Amino acid sequence: MTNSPTPVAFFDRTYDEAMALIREARDYFAERQWQPASPSRAAVELVTSCESMRLTARLTQIIAWLLVQKAVHAGELSRDDATRPEHRLGGRSICEIEGPWSELGLPQRLQTLLERSLSLYHRIARLDDLAADMARAPAIPAARH
């Protein structure tokens, strides 16, 4: 028998999904850095840069939250500690914004990454809210027999 934590299927799939999205974003940014900016599309380039930063912020917040949850599952952090403000999902005022990406003329690949990261961020936000609600709920005393 090992001391490693028992895997949690939904958590492991979500973590894998986040890591795959991070790799895809990394590859997109690596390819994009070698493409020359078009002076005639300066406004689109500016919006593309801003939304690229939003994508990075989302992915950073997602992976930070998932790593806290991984620590909880491994017994390295208590559930109460995981719901402290510094361990909760952050950046909501920035990360929850959904733009009219197609109307702004953003590259299709970036639009797809933004949509997928927003969907994942919303799922993680619901889990974060649920965990916080559960931590605030009064304990139910055990029944005596």
C-alpha atoms as a PDB file:
ATOM      1  CA  MET A   1       0.000   0.000   0.000  1.00  0.00           C
ATOM      2  CA  THR A   2       1.307   3.474  -0.853  1.00  0.00           C
ATOM      3  CA  ASN A   3       0.942   6.754   0.958  1.00  0.00           C
ATOM      4  CA  SER A   4      -0.019   8.585  -2.227  1.00  0.00           C
ATOM      5  CA  PRO A   5      -3.446  10.202  -2.258  1.00  0.00           C
ATOM      6  CA  THR A   6      -6.306   8.467  -3.991  1.00  0.00           C
ATOM      7  CA  PRO A   7      -6.934  10.048  -7.378  1.00  0.00           C
ATOM      8  CA  VAL A   8     -10.181  11.925  -7.788  1.00  0.00           C
ATOM      9  CA  ALA A   9     -11.383  11.365 -11.349  1.00  0.00           C
ATOM     10  CA  PHE A  10     -13.160  14.690 -11.928  1.00  0.00           C
ATOM     11  CA  PHE A  11     -10.272  16.586 -10.365  1.00  0.00           C
ATOM     12  CA  ASP A  12      -7.623  14.736 -12.349  1.00  0.00           C
ATOM     13  CA  ARG A  13      -9.509  15.348 -15.613  1.00  0.00           C
ATOM     14  CA  THR A  14      -9.931  19.039 -14.799  1.00  0.00           C
ATOM     15  CA  TYR A  15      -6.248  19.352 -13.902  1.00  0.00           C
ATOM     16  CA  ASP A  16      -5.259  17.579 -17.142  1.00  0.00           C
ATOM     17  CA  GLU A  17      -7.606  19.853 -19.101  1.00  0.00           C
ATOM     18  CA  ALA A  18      -6.021  22.948 -17.545  1.00  0.00           C
ATOM     19  CA  MET A  19      -2.508  21.723 -18.262  1.00  0.00           C
ATOM     20  CA  ALA A  20      -3.419  20.917 -21.879  1.00  0.00           C
ATOM     21  CA  LEU A  21      -4.890  24.406 -22.263  1.00  0.00           C
ATOM     22  CA  ILE A  22      -1.721  25.928 -20.828  1.00  0.00           C
ATOM     23  CA  ARG A  23       0.394  23.981 -23.330  1.00  0.00           C
ATOM     24  CA  GLU A  24      -1.836  25.090 -26.208  1.00  0.00           C
ATOM     25  CA  ALA A  25      -1.602  28.724 -25.087  1.00  0.00           C
ATOM     26  CA  ARG A  26       2.185  28.425 -24.767  1.00  0.00           C
ATOM     27  CA  ASP A  27       2.417  27.021 -28.303  1.00  0.00           C
ATOM     28  CA  TYR A  28       0.143  29.783 -29.634  1.00  0.00           C
ATOM     29  CA  PHE A  29       2.242  32.510 -28.005  1.00  0.00           C
ATOM     30  CA  ALA A  30       5.486  30.911 -29.205  1.00  0.00           C
ATOM     31  CA  GLU A  31       4.243  30.835 -32.800  1.00  0.00           C
ATOM     32  CA  ARG A  32       2.743  34.304 -32.595  1.00  0.00           C
ATOM     33  CA  GLN A  33       5.953  35.963 -31.432  1.00  0.00           C
ATOM     34  CA  TRP A  34       7.523  35.306 -34.832  1.00  0.00           C
ATOM     35  CA  GLN A  35       4.646  36.835 -36.795  1.00  0.00           C
ATOM     36  CA  PRO A  36       5.198  40.468 -37.749  1.00  0.00           C
ATOM     37  CA  ALA A  37       2.666  42.966 -36.394  1.00  0.00           C
ATOM     38  CA  SER A  38       0.680  44.790 -39.022  1.00  0.00           C
ATOM     39  CA  PRO A  39       0.780  48.589 -38.581  1.00  0.00           C
ATOM     40  CA  SER A  40      -2.540  48.853 -40.426  1.00  0.00           C
ATOM     41  CA  ARG A  41      -4.141  46.650 -37.764  1.00  0.00           C
ATOM     42  CA  ALA A  42      -2.638  48.384 -34.726  1.00  0.00           C
ATOM     43  CA  ALA A  43      -5.961  48.487 -32.845  1.00  0.00           C
ATOM     44  CA  VAL A  44      -6.507  44.749 -33.382  1.00  0.00           C
ATOM     45  CA  GLU A  45      -2.931  44.059 -32.278  1.00  0.00           C
ATOM     46  CA  LEU A  46      -3.520  46.052 -29.095  1.00  0.00           C
ATOM     47  CA  VAL A  47      -6.745  44.179 -28.294  1.00  0.00           C
ATOM     48  CA  THR A  48      -4.993  40.885 -29.120  1.00  0.00           C
ATOM     49  CA  SER A  49      -2.255  41.743 -26.614  1.00  0.00           C
ATOM     50  CA  CYS A  50      -4.777  42.680 -23.932  1.00  0.00           C
ATOM     51  CA  GLU A  51      -6.822  39.509 -24.438  1.00  0.00           C
ATOM     52  CA  SER A  52      -3.633  37.440 -24.465  1.00  0.00           C
ATOM     53  CA  MET A  53      -2.849  38.843 -21.024  1.00  0.00           C
ATOM     54  CA  ARG A  54      -6.400  38.014 -19.892  1.00  0.00           C
ATOM     55  CA  LEU A  55      -5.898  34.441 -21.136  1.00  0.00           C
ATOM     56  CA  THR A  56      -2.644  34.206 -19.189  1.00  0.00           C
ATOM     57  CA  ALA A  57      -4.286  35.609 -16.045  1.00  0.00           C
ATOM     58  CA  ARG A  58      -7.147  33.096 -16.294  1.00  0.00           C
ATOM     59  CA  LEU A  59      -4.843  30.157 -16.738  1.00  0.00           C
ATOM     60  CA  THR A  60      -2.622  31.312 -13.880  1.00  0.00           C
ATOM     61  CA  GLN A  61      -5.576  31.646 -11.510  1.00  0.00           C
ATOM     62  CA  ILE A  62      -6.994  28.284 -12.590  1.00  0.00           C
ATOM     63  CA  ILE A  63      -3.772  26.368 -12.087  1.00  0.00           C
ATOM     64  CA  ALA A  64      -3.083  28.081  -8.743  1.00  0.00           C
ATOM     65  CA  TRP A  65      -6.535  27.039  -7.483  1.00  0.00           C
ATOM     66  CA  LEU A  66      -6.086  23.497  -8.785  1.00  0.00           C
ATOM     67  CA  LEU A  67      -2.711  23.192  -7.058  1.00  0.00           C
ATOM     68  CA  VAL A  68      -4.308  24.263  -3.758  1.00  0.00           C
ATOM     69  CA  GLN A  69      -6.939  21.560  -4.257  1.00  0.00           C
ATOM     70  CA  LYS A  70      -4.224  19.046  -5.079  1.00  0.00           C
ATOM     71  CA  ALA A  71      -2.573  19.942  -1.758  1.00  0.00           C
ATOM     72  CA  VAL A  72      -5.894  19.356   0.019  1.00  0.00           C
ATOM     73  CA  HIS A  73      -6.318  15.950  -1.626  1.00  0.00           C
ATOM     74  CA  ALA A  74      -2.733  15.051  -0.660  1.00  0.00           C
ATOM     75  CA  GLY A  75      -3.400  16.013   2.967  1.00  0.00           C
ATOM     76  CA  GLU A  76      -0.882  18.863   2.829  1.00  0.00           C
ATOM     77  CA  LEU A  77      -3.516  21.559   3.386  1.00  0.00           C
ATOM     78  CA  SER A  78      -6.790  21.467   5.293  1.00  0.00           C
ATOM     79  CA  ARG A  79     -10.113  22.247   3.608  1.00  0.00           C
ATOM     80  CA  ASP A  80     -10.508  25.221   5.956  1.00  0.00           C
ATOM     81  CA  ASP A  81      -7.120  26.601   4.921  1.00  0.00           C
ATOM     82  CA  ALA A  82      -8.008  26.077   1.257  1.00  0.00           C
ATOM     83  CA  THR A  83     -10.994  28.410   1.611  1.00  0.00           C
ATOM     84  CA  ARG A  84      -8.986  31.258   3.106  1.00  0.00           C
ATOM     85  CA  PRO A  85      -9.038  34.322   0.828  1.00  0.00           C
ATOM     86  CA  GLU A  86      -5.427  33.913  -0.290  1.00  0.00           C
ATOM     87  CA  HIS A  87      -6.153  30.365  -1.506  1.00  0.00           C
ATOM     88  CA  ARG A  88      -9.428  31.111  -3.272  1.00  0.00           C
ATOM     89  CA  LEU A  89      -9.786  31.654  -6.997  1.00  0.00           C
ATOM     90  CA  GLY A  90      -8.615  35.166  -7.720  1.00  0.00           C
ATOM     91  CA  GLY A  91      -8.829  37.709 -10.479  1.00  0.00           C
ATOM     92  CA  ARG A  92     -12.559  37.500 -11.031  1.00  0.00           C
ATOM     93  CA  SER A  93     -12.917  41.149 -12.061  1.00  0.00           C
ATOM     94  CA  ILE A  94     -10.453  40.532 -14.907  1.00  0.00           C
ATOM     95  CA  CYS A  95     -10.913  36.856 -15.705  1.00  0.00           C
ATOM     96  CA  GLU A  96     -14.711  36.721 -15.916  1.00  0.00           C
ATOM     97  CA  ILE A  97     -14.921  39.286 -18.702  1.00  0.00           C
ATOM     98  CA  GLU A  98     -16.165  37.884 -21.977  1.00  0.00           C
ATOM     99  CA  GLY A  99     -15.445  39.990 -24.971  1.00  0.00           C
ATOM    100  CA  PRO A 100     -17.010  40.103 -28.403  1.00  0.00           C
ATOM    101  CA  TRP A 101     -13.848  38.418 -29.683  1.00  0.00           C
ATOM    102  CA  SER A 102     -15.016  37.681 -33.210  1.00  0.00           C
ATOM    103  CA  GLU A 103     -16.309  41.230 -33.629  1.00  0.00           C
ATOM    104  CA  LEU A 104     -12.926  42.581 -32.546  1.00  0.00           C
ATOM    105  CA  GLY A 105     -11.112  40.677 -35.274  1.00  0.00           C
ATOM    106  CA  LEU A 106      -8.982  38.553 -32.949  1.00  0.00           C
ATOM    107  CA  PRO A 107      -7.191  35.568 -34.445  1.00  0.00           C
ATOM    108  CA  GLN A 108      -9.456  32.492 -34.471  1.00  0.00           C
ATOM    109  CA  ARG A 109      -7.018  30.389 -32.462  1.00  0.00           C
ATOM    110  CA  LEU A 110      -6.882  33.027 -29.726  1.00  0.00           C
ATOM    111  CA  GLN A 111     -10.680  33.251 -29.719  1.00  0.00           C
ATOM    112  CA  THR A 112     -10.891  29.495 -29.162  1.00  0.00           C
ATOM    113  CA  LEU A 113      -8.359  29.633 -26.321  1.00  0.00           C
ATOM    114  CA  LEU A 114     -10.240  32.529 -24.720  1.00  0.00           C
ATOM    115  CA  GLU A 115     -13.583  30.719 -24.947  1.00  0.00           C
ATOM    116  CA  ARG A 116     -12.213  27.471 -23.527  1.00  0.00           C
ATOM    117  CA  SER A 117     -10.318  29.224 -20.732  1.00  0.00           C
ATOM    118  CA  LEU A 118     -13.423  31.235 -19.787  1.00  0.00           C
ATOM    119  CA  SER A 119     -15.523  28.070 -19.663  1.00  0.00           C
ATOM    120  CA  LEU A 120     -12.951  26.359 -17.435  1.00  0.00           C
ATOM    121  CA  TYR A 121     -12.627  29.475 -15.261  1.00  0.00           C
ATOM    122  CA  HIS A 122     -16.410  29.545 -14.724  1.00  0.00           C
ATOM    123  CA  ARG A 123     -16.412  25.863 -13.733  1.00  0.00           C
ATOM    124  CA  ILE A 124     -13.580  26.426 -11.277  1.00  0.00           C
ATOM    125  CA  ALA A 125     -15.348  29.529  -9.896  1.00  0.00           C
ATOM    126  CA  ARG A 126     -18.454  27.427  -9.181  1.00  0.00           C
ATOM    127  CA  LEU A 127     -16.323  24.821  -7.387  1.00  0.00           C
ATOM    128  CA  ASP A 128     -14.541  27.557  -5.423  1.00  0.00           C
ATOM    129  CA  ASP A 129     -17.854  29.108  -4.379  1.00  0.00           C
ATOM    130  CA  LEU A 130     -19.221  25.698  -3.403  1.00  0.00           C
ATOM    131  CA  ALA A 131     -16.160  24.931  -1.267  1.00  0.00           C
ATOM    132  CA  ALA A 132     -16.431  28.330   0.450  1.00  0.00           C
ATOM    133  CA  ASP A 133     -20.164  27.825   1.092  1.00  0.00           C
ATOM    134  CA  MET A 134     -19.501  24.419   2.597  1.00  0.00           C
ATOM    135  CA  ALA A 135     -16.776  25.830   4.842  1.00  0.00           C
ATOM    136  CA  ARG A 136     -19.149  28.548   6.118  1.00  0.00           C
ATOM    137  CA  ALA A 137     -22.031  26.141   6.763  1.00  0.00           C
ATOM    138  CA  PRO A 138     -22.565  25.306  10.434  1.00  0.00           C
ATOM    139  CA  ALA A 139     -21.428  21.830  11.399  1.00  0.00           C
ATOM    140  CA  ILE A 140     -24.237  19.335  11.846  1.00  0.00           C
ATOM    141  CA  PRO A 141     -23.802  17.444  15.118  1.00  0.00           C
ATOM    142  CA  ALA A 142     -23.513  13.693  14.807  1.00  0.00           C
ATOM    143  CA  ALA A 143     -26.581  11.720  15.839  1.00  0.00           C
ATOM    144  CA  ARG A 144     -26.285   9.950  19.178  1.00  0.00           C
ATOM    145  CA  HIS A 145     -27.391   6.351  19.419  1.00  0.00           C
END
